[in-house]
């Protein structure tokens, strides 16, 4: 196992061992507090442009399987940082080890560093660009390469992860018992299903599964699909999905959403929430180190209920900038940041966290049912 370095843009250097492809990769370094779900995290399109650090000490225990992925086309994260990789995974579904999966996907990673120290550094100094290399082991050279990178806000990563063609999705949520495998789709008449058009800014498969489970006929469209074309499909509602990067770079998504506001019920998740806020005239701002993990408590201000949520975002909507068009519905109890909003007149709502989990808790899955109920009330 060869030596590898992780160098941050502020000059901090971590020395470890190479994992995965012995190459070089640059990205924004963030940390994720989930204890498991590493395969879903790696394949989450929202991590495009980022190097993910796992805070849990040992990763790879149950290996890699062919099912627990959250997007097509394999790993989306630019790199992976862990304390220790398990060399002997044990799970009946496992088809390969984490190291084999990273190599197969040509992803450069590093293990054997003090991820606790790295996490504390990012928490105190903020998320920053970094580089992992198993080829160039000169810190000065690597720091120079990082310095030449313009940062993730200079790129539109959505174009890299969105679907190229529209498609329909029919699979519901997985069930433990065989007799429960039938989704709501098989139990309902087709005429009773609500039609939803999903803008794919980097949509996670579990969002689509939960929509099916809530009684939707799901059709996914590319991120750049004109609003006029979506309205011609005559959906009962529109979902704006999660995705990577700075929302302000997704100008076509903002422009199309402007044309959809007031025309159909809209539900936004994560990047979709941010795009919706910008489309309605609001502003977004970048968090110091972002929220990434499966243990974030969020309070529903309408019910008073506190839900544990899955999160993966670096940006947040400034609710006050929307000047009374919306009201705040959810608040993060870790740092008090805004987590959700609802239009005061129109059937529009959105959340910053991930109600579909994958991985993470399922406390917020009821929001998909709420989306359906919003359409039923409108009718």
Protein backbone atom coordinates (compact mmCIF):
# COMPACT_ATOMS: atom_id res chain seq x y z
CA UNK A 1 0.00 0.00 0.00
CA UNK A 2 1.69 3.18 -1.19
CA UNK A 3 1.91 6.55 0.52
CA UNK A 4 -0.60 9.31 -0.26
CA UNK A 5 -1.07 12.92 0.78
CA UNK A 6 -4.09 15.12 1.41
CA UNK A 7 -3.23 18.82 1.16
CA UNK A 8 -5.77 21.54 1.97
CA UNK A 9 -5.80 25.00 0.41
CA UNK A 10 -4.64 26.58 3.69
CA UNK A 11 -1.46 24.46 3.57
CA UNK A 12 -2.49 21.79 6.07
CA UNK A 13 -1.01 18.40 5.15
CA UNK A 14 -2.22 14.93 6.12
CA UNK A 15 -0.17 11.83 5.33
CA UNK A 16 -1.80 8.45 4.81
CA UNK A 17 -2.00 5.41 2.57
CA UNK A 18 -3.40 5.22 -0.93
CA UNK A 19 -6.84 3.68 -1.38
CA UNK A 20 -8.63 3.05 -4.65
CA UNK A 21 -7.06 4.38 -7.82
CA UNK A 22 -3.49 5.62 -7.28
CA UNK A 23 -4.01 8.95 -9.00
CA UNK A 24 -4.75 12.53 -8.06
CA UNK A 25 -7.99 14.39 -7.46
CA UNK A 26 -9.09 17.89 -6.41
CA UNK A 27 -12.35 18.86 -4.72
CA UNK A 28 -13.93 20.74 -1.86
CA UNK A 29 -13.23 18.75 1.31
CA UNK A 30 -16.28 18.19 3.54
CA UNK A 31 -17.07 15.76 6.36
CA UNK A 32 -20.04 13.41 6.73
CA UNK A 33 -21.14 12.25 10.19
CA UNK A 34 -23.08 9.15 9.08
CA UNK A 35 -21.92 5.90 10.68
CA UNK A 36 -22.89 3.83 7.65
CA UNK A 37 -24.34 4.25 4.17
CA UNK A 38 -20.99 4.95 2.50
CA UNK A 39 -22.11 3.42 -0.80
CA UNK A 40 -25.16 5.67 -1.00
CA UNK A 41 -23.01 8.67 -0.05
CA UNK A 42 -20.40 7.98 -2.72
CA UNK A 43 -23.07 7.67 -5.42
CA UNK A 44 -25.09 10.72 -4.33
CA UNK A 45 -24.85 13.24 -7.18
CA UNK A 46 -24.91 16.10 -4.66
CA UNK A 47 -21.28 15.26 -3.86
CA UNK A 48 -20.05 16.02 -7.37
CA UNK A 49 -17.09 18.38 -7.00
CA UNK A 50 -16.39 17.33 -3.39
CA UNK A 51 -14.01 15.08 -1.49
CA UNK A 52 -15.94 13.34 1.30
CA UNK A 53 -14.41 12.63 4.70
CA UNK A 54 -16.21 10.02 6.82
CA UNK A 55 -16.04 10.71 10.56
CA UNK A 56 -16.80 7.11 11.53
CA UNK A 57 -13.56 5.22 12.10
CA UNK A 58 -13.96 2.08 9.97
CA UNK A 59 -15.62 2.10 6.55
CA UNK A 60 -16.31 -0.80 4.18
CA UNK A 61 -17.42 -3.44 6.70
CA UNK A 62 -20.33 -4.70 4.60
CA UNK A 63 -18.65 -4.23 1.23
CA UNK A 64 -20.32 -3.04 -1.95
CA UNK A 65 -23.41 -4.44 -3.64
CA UNK A 66 -25.18 -3.72 -6.92
CA UNK A 67 -28.33 -2.22 -5.37
CA UNK A 68 -27.46 0.41 -2.75
CA UNK A 69 -26.67 3.21 -5.17
CA UNK A 70 -28.36 6.59 -5.41
CA UNK A 71 -27.60 7.52 -9.01
CA UNK A 72 -26.67 5.98 -12.34
CA UNK A 73 -23.11 5.95 -13.61
CA UNK A 74 -21.32 5.03 -10.39
CA UNK A 75 -19.48 7.20 -7.86
CA UNK A 76 -20.07 10.95 -8.05
CA UNK A 77 -17.77 12.15 -5.23
CA UNK A 78 -14.36 13.36 -6.44
CA UNK A 79 -12.47 11.58 -3.68
CA UNK A 80 -12.83 9.75 -0.36
CA UNK A 81 -11.06 10.17 2.99
CA UNK A 82 -11.35 7.57 5.77
CA UNK A 83 -9.55 6.43 8.89
CA UNK A 84 -9.51 2.71 8.05
CA UNK A 85 -10.86 0.63 5.17
CA UNK A 86 -12.12 -2.86 5.99
CA UNK A 87 -10.25 -5.38 3.83
CA UNK A 88 -12.58 -8.31 4.59
CA UNK A 89 -16.23 -7.17 4.22
CA UNK A 90 -18.90 -9.50 5.53
CA UNK A 91 -22.40 -9.31 4.09
CA UNK A 92 -24.43 -11.75 2.02
CA UNK A 93 -25.13 -9.02 -0.58
CA UNK A 94 -21.51 -7.92 -0.97
CA UNK A 95 -19.96 -8.36 -4.41
CA UNK A 96 -16.67 -6.49 -3.86
CA UNK A 97 -14.68 -4.53 -1.30
CA UNK A 98 -14.66 -0.74 -0.98
CA UNK A 99 -11.09 -0.61 -2.33
CA UNK A 100 -12.10 -2.68 -5.38
CA UNK A 101 -15.11 -0.42 -5.99
CA UNK A 102 -13.00 2.72 -5.84
CA UNK A 103 -10.44 1.22 -8.22
CA UNK A 104 -13.16 0.09 -10.63
CA UNK A 105 -14.60 3.62 -10.61
CA UNK A 106 -11.12 5.22 -10.96
CA UNK A 107 -11.61 7.19 -7.72
CA UNK A 108 -8.58 8.33 -5.74
CA UNK A 109 -8.92 8.01 -1.96
CA UNK A 110 -6.78 8.06 1.17
CA UNK A 111 -6.91 6.14 4.45
CA UNK A 112 -4.87 6.03 7.62
CA UNK A 113 -5.12 9.71 8.50
CA UNK A 114 -6.58 11.22 11.67
CA UNK A 115 -10.08 12.00 10.38
CA UNK A 116 -11.05 13.43 13.77
CA UNK A 117 -8.31 16.05 13.47
CA UNK A 118 -9.33 16.78 9.86
CA UNK A 119 -12.97 17.15 10.85
CA UNK A 120 -12.13 19.53 13.70
CA UNK A 121 -9.96 21.56 11.33
CA UNK A 122 -12.76 21.86 8.76
CA UNK A 123 -15.29 22.68 11.47
CA UNK A 124 -13.11 25.50 12.79
CA UNK A 125 -11.66 26.80 9.51
CA UNK A 126 -14.53 25.95 7.16
CA UNK A 127 -14.82 23.67 4.14
CA UNK A 128 -12.01 24.31 1.66
CA UNK A 129 -10.47 22.95 -1.50
CA UNK A 130 -8.07 20.05 -1.18
CA UNK A 131 -6.12 17.54 -3.22
CA UNK A 132 -5.41 13.82 -2.71
CA UNK A 133 -2.41 12.40 -4.49
CA UNK A 134 -0.54 9.10 -4.58
CA UNK A 135 1.65 10.31 -7.45
CA UNK A 136 2.98 13.71 -6.45
CA UNK A 137 4.19 13.53 -2.83
CA UNK A 138 5.55 17.06 -2.61
CA UNK A 139 3.26 19.23 -0.41
CA UNK A 140 4.43 22.46 -2.04
CA UNK A 141 3.60 21.16 -5.50
CA UNK A 142 0.16 19.93 -4.41
CA UNK A 143 -0.60 23.23 -2.67
CA UNK A 144 0.21 25.06 -5.89
CA UNK A 145 -2.22 22.84 -7.82
CA UNK A 146 -4.98 23.50 -5.30
CA UNK A 147 -4.33 27.22 -5.48
CA UNK A 148 -4.91 27.21 -9.21
CA UNK A 149 -8.38 25.68 -8.81
CA UNK A 150 -11.14 28.28 -9.05
CA UNK A 151 -13.42 26.57 -6.49
CA UNK A 152 -16.72 24.76 -6.89
CA UNK A 153 -18.76 27.96 -7.22
CA UNK A 154 -17.17 28.47 -10.65
CA UNK A 155 -18.72 25.29 -12.06
CA UNK A 156 -22.17 24.07 -12.97
CA UNK A 157 -21.96 20.44 -11.85
CA UNK A 158 -25.65 19.82 -12.54
CA UNK A 159 -24.91 19.53 -16.25
CA UNK A 160 -22.58 16.63 -15.47
CA UNK A 161 -25.03 14.60 -13.37
CA UNK A 162 -28.48 15.20 -14.85
CA UNK A 163 -30.16 12.64 -17.08
CA UNK A 164 -29.73 13.13 -20.82
CA UNK A 165 -33.21 11.86 -21.67
CA UNK A 166 -36.52 11.93 -19.82
CA UNK A 167 -37.72 8.64 -18.35
CA UNK A 168 -40.42 7.17 -16.15
CA UNK A 169 -39.74 5.54 -12.77
CA UNK A 170 -41.88 2.74 -11.33
CA UNK A 171 -39.97 1.17 -8.44
CA UNK A 172 -41.28 1.84 -4.94
CA UNK A 173 -39.47 1.63 -1.59
CA UNK A 174 -37.89 -1.67 -0.63
CA UNK A 175 -39.64 -3.75 2.00
CA UNK A 176 -38.21 -6.29 4.45
CA UNK A 177 -40.95 -8.89 4.08
CA UNK A 178 -41.69 -10.48 0.73
CA UNK A 179 -45.43 -9.96 1.14
CA UNK A 180 -44.83 -6.23 1.47
CA UNK A 181 -42.90 -5.91 -1.78
CA UNK A 182 -45.89 -4.60 -3.69
CA UNK A 183 -45.73 -0.84 -3.89
CA UNK A 184 -48.67 1.50 -3.66
CA UNK A 185 -48.58 1.60 -7.47
CA UNK A 186 -49.78 -2.02 -7.64
CA UNK A 187 -52.51 -1.36 -5.08
CA UNK A 188 -53.95 1.74 -6.71
CA UNK A 189 -55.73 2.15 -9.97
CA UNK A 190 -53.60 3.95 -12.52
CA UNK A 191 -56.24 6.68 -12.76
CA UNK A 192 -55.77 7.46 -9.05
CA UNK A 193 -52.05 8.11 -9.36
CA UNK A 194 -50.98 11.73 -9.37
CA UNK A 195 -48.59 12.70 -12.15
CA UNK A 196 -45.37 14.37 -11.06
CA UNK A 197 -42.60 15.79 -13.24
CA UNK A 198 -39.21 15.60 -11.53
CA UNK A 199 -36.52 18.08 -12.56
CA UNK A 200 -33.32 16.06 -12.30
CA UNK A 201 -30.63 18.34 -10.91
CA UNK A 202 -28.92 15.21 -9.55
CA UNK A 203 -31.91 13.33 -8.18
CA UNK A 204 -31.40 10.48 -5.73
CA UNK A 205 -33.14 7.23 -6.59
CA UNK A 206 -34.72 7.08 -3.14
CA UNK A 207 -36.61 10.31 -3.86
CA UNK A 208 -38.15 8.59 -6.86
CA UNK A 209 -38.95 5.46 -4.81
CA UNK A 210 -40.71 7.55 -2.16
CA UNK A 211 -42.74 9.38 -4.78
CA UNK A 212 -43.98 6.06 -6.15
CA UNK A 213 -44.75 4.89 -2.63
CA UNK A 214 -46.80 8.05 -2.01
CA UNK A 215 -48.97 7.33 -5.06
CA UNK A 216 -47.30 9.17 -7.93
CA UNK A 217 -46.81 8.44 -11.59
CA UNK A 218 -43.20 9.62 -11.85
CA UNK A 219 -41.59 11.14 -14.92
CA UNK A 220 -38.03 12.50 -14.72
CA UNK A 221 -36.82 15.26 -17.05
CA UNK A 222 -33.34 16.69 -17.72
CA UNK A 223 -32.34 19.78 -15.74
CA UNK A 224 -32.42 22.05 -18.79
CA UNK A 225 -35.91 21.04 -19.93
CA UNK A 226 -37.89 24.21 -20.79
CA UNK A 227 -40.77 25.00 -18.45
CA UNK A 228 -43.12 25.11 -21.43
CA UNK A 229 -42.29 21.50 -22.27
CA UNK A 230 -42.95 20.38 -18.69
CA UNK A 231 -46.30 22.19 -18.63
CA UNK A 232 -47.25 20.45 -21.88
CA UNK A 233 -46.87 17.17 -20.00
CA UNK A 234 -49.68 18.45 -17.75
CA UNK A 235 -48.35 17.04 -14.48
CA UNK A 236 -50.33 17.42 -11.26
CA UNK A 237 -47.18 18.71 -9.59
CA UNK A 238 -43.48 19.39 -10.05
CA UNK A 239 -40.58 18.28 -7.88
CA UNK A 240 -37.26 20.12 -7.94
CA UNK A 241 -34.60 17.61 -6.91
CA UNK A 242 -31.38 17.70 -4.98
CA UNK A 243 -28.08 18.26 -6.77
CA UNK A 244 -24.49 19.50 -6.48
CA UNK A 245 -22.76 22.84 -6.27
CA UNK A 246 -23.70 26.49 -5.94
CA UNK A 247 -27.39 27.06 -6.83
CA UNK A 248 -26.58 30.38 -8.49
CA UNK A 249 -24.71 28.54 -11.28
CA UNK A 250 -27.88 26.70 -12.31
CA UNK A 251 -29.33 29.70 -14.14
CA UNK A 252 -31.53 27.65 -16.48
CA UNK A 253 -33.10 25.90 -13.48
CA UNK A 254 -33.85 29.24 -11.84
CA UNK A 255 -35.32 30.68 -15.06
CA UNK A 256 -37.56 27.67 -15.67
CA UNK A 257 -38.74 27.60 -12.07
CA UNK A 258 -39.78 31.26 -12.35
CA UNK A 259 -42.12 30.25 -15.18
CA UNK A 260 -43.57 27.36 -13.14
CA UNK A 261 -44.35 29.28 -9.95
CA UNK A 262 -48.11 29.75 -9.74
CA UNK A 263 -48.80 27.23 -12.51
CA UNK A 264 -48.47 23.95 -10.59
CA UNK A 265 -47.87 22.72 -7.02
CA UNK A 266 -44.11 22.56 -6.42
CA UNK A 267 -42.00 20.62 -3.91
CA UNK A 268 -38.27 21.41 -3.64
CA UNK A 269 -35.59 19.30 -1.96
CA UNK A 270 -32.09 20.56 -1.08
CA UNK A 271 -30.70 22.19 -4.28
CA UNK A 272 -34.30 22.29 -5.53
CA UNK A 273 -35.20 24.25 -2.37
CA UNK A 274 -32.38 26.71 -3.07
CA UNK A 275 -33.30 27.10 -6.75
CA UNK A 276 -36.91 27.73 -5.74
CA UNK A 277 -35.79 30.43 -3.31
CA UNK A 278 -33.72 32.16 -5.99
CA UNK A 279 -36.53 31.87 -8.54
CA UNK A 280 -38.90 33.69 -6.18
CA UNK A 281 -36.46 36.57 -5.76
CA UNK A 282 -34.57 35.44 -2.68
CA UNK A 283 -30.90 34.99 -1.90
CA UNK A 284 -28.73 32.08 -0.82
CA UNK A 285 -25.58 32.04 1.30
CA UNK A 286 -22.84 29.51 1.91
CA UNK A 287 -22.55 27.77 5.28
CA UNK A 288 -19.17 27.61 7.00
CA UNK A 289 -18.68 23.86 6.62
CA UNK A 290 -22.06 22.69 5.38
CA UNK A 291 -24.35 19.98 6.72
CA UNK A 292 -23.48 16.42 5.74
CA UNK A 293 -24.71 13.43 7.71
CA UNK A 294 -27.64 11.45 9.03
CA UNK A 295 -28.11 12.84 12.53
CA UNK A 296 -29.26 16.46 12.14
CA UNK A 297 -32.24 17.46 14.33
CA UNK A 298 -34.74 19.70 12.54
CA UNK A 299 -37.80 21.25 14.17
CA UNK A 300 -41.05 21.46 12.24
CA UNK A 301 -42.31 24.87 13.33
CA UNK A 302 -45.91 24.06 12.35
CA UNK A 303 -46.22 20.94 14.52
CA UNK A 304 -43.44 21.44 17.05
CA UNK A 305 -42.12 17.99 16.18
CA UNK A 306 -38.35 17.42 16.08
CA UNK A 307 -37.19 15.08 13.33
CA UNK A 308 -33.79 13.50 12.83
CA UNK A 309 -32.80 14.14 9.23
CA UNK A 310 -30.32 13.26 6.52
CA UNK A 311 -28.50 16.29 5.13
CA UNK A 312 -26.06 17.13 2.37
CA UNK A 313 -25.70 20.80 1.46
CA UNK A 314 -23.29 23.74 1.62
CA UNK A 315 -25.78 26.52 0.84
CA UNK A 316 -28.86 27.87 2.56
CA UNK A 317 -31.83 30.05 1.57
CA UNK A 318 -32.12 33.40 3.32
CA UNK A 319 -35.83 33.33 4.13
CA UNK A 320 -35.91 37.04 5.05
CA UNK A 321 -34.72 37.94 1.55
CA UNK A 322 -38.03 36.63 0.18
CA UNK A 323 -39.79 39.57 1.87
CA UNK A 324 -42.92 37.89 3.15
CA UNK A 325 -43.61 35.69 0.12
CA UNK A 326 -42.92 32.60 2.21
CA UNK A 327 -42.89 31.63 5.85
CA UNK A 328 -40.26 29.58 7.63
CA UNK A 329 -41.44 26.03 8.35
CA UNK A 330 -38.32 24.19 9.57
CA UNK A 331 -35.23 25.13 11.55
CA UNK A 332 -31.98 23.24 12.13
CA UNK A 333 -31.42 22.75 15.86
CA UNK A 334 -27.65 22.40 15.49
CA UNK A 335 -26.98 25.92 14.22
CA UNK A 336 -30.40 27.56 13.84
CA UNK A 337 -30.20 27.75 10.05
CA UNK A 338 -33.34 27.77 7.88
CA UNK A 339 -34.44 24.31 6.78
CA UNK A 340 -37.79 24.78 5.06
CA UNK A 341 -40.30 27.25 3.67
CA UNK A 342 -43.89 27.43 2.46
CA UNK A 343 -45.43 30.01 0.14
CA UNK A 344 -48.07 32.12 1.90
CA UNK A 345 -50.55 31.84 -0.99
CA UNK A 346 -49.47 29.25 -3.54
CA UNK A 347 -49.22 25.42 -3.18
CA UNK A 348 -45.44 25.54 -2.93
CA UNK A 349 -43.15 24.22 -0.20
CA UNK A 350 -39.58 23.01 0.10
CA UNK A 351 -37.03 21.70 2.58
CA UNK A 352 -33.26 21.85 2.83
CA UNK A 353 -32.86 18.37 4.31
CA UNK A 354 -33.45 15.01 2.59
CA UNK A 355 -36.81 13.42 3.50
CA UNK A 356 -35.95 10.36 1.38
CA UNK A 357 -32.92 9.47 3.58
CA UNK A 358 -30.77 6.95 1.68
CA UNK A 359 -28.88 6.81 3.98
CA UNK A 360 -30.32 8.17 7.18
CA UNK A 361 -33.48 8.31 9.31
CA UNK A 362 -36.98 8.21 7.84
CA UNK A 363 -38.62 10.79 10.12
CA UNK A 364 -39.40 13.17 7.24
CA UNK A 365 -40.78 10.79 4.61
CA UNK A 366 -44.27 12.10 5.39
CA UNK A 367 -43.42 15.13 3.23
CA UNK A 368 -44.01 13.06 0.10
CA UNK A 369 -47.53 12.33 1.32
CA UNK A 370 -47.95 16.03 2.07
CA UNK A 371 -46.97 16.81 -1.53
CA UNK A 372 -49.76 14.55 -2.77
CA UNK A 373 -52.24 16.09 -0.34
CA UNK A 374 -51.27 19.54 -1.64
CA UNK A 375 -52.36 18.48 -5.12
CA UNK A 376 -55.59 16.92 -3.84
CA UNK A 377 -56.50 20.13 -2.01
CA UNK A 378 -55.82 22.15 -5.15
CA UNK A 379 -58.19 19.92 -7.07
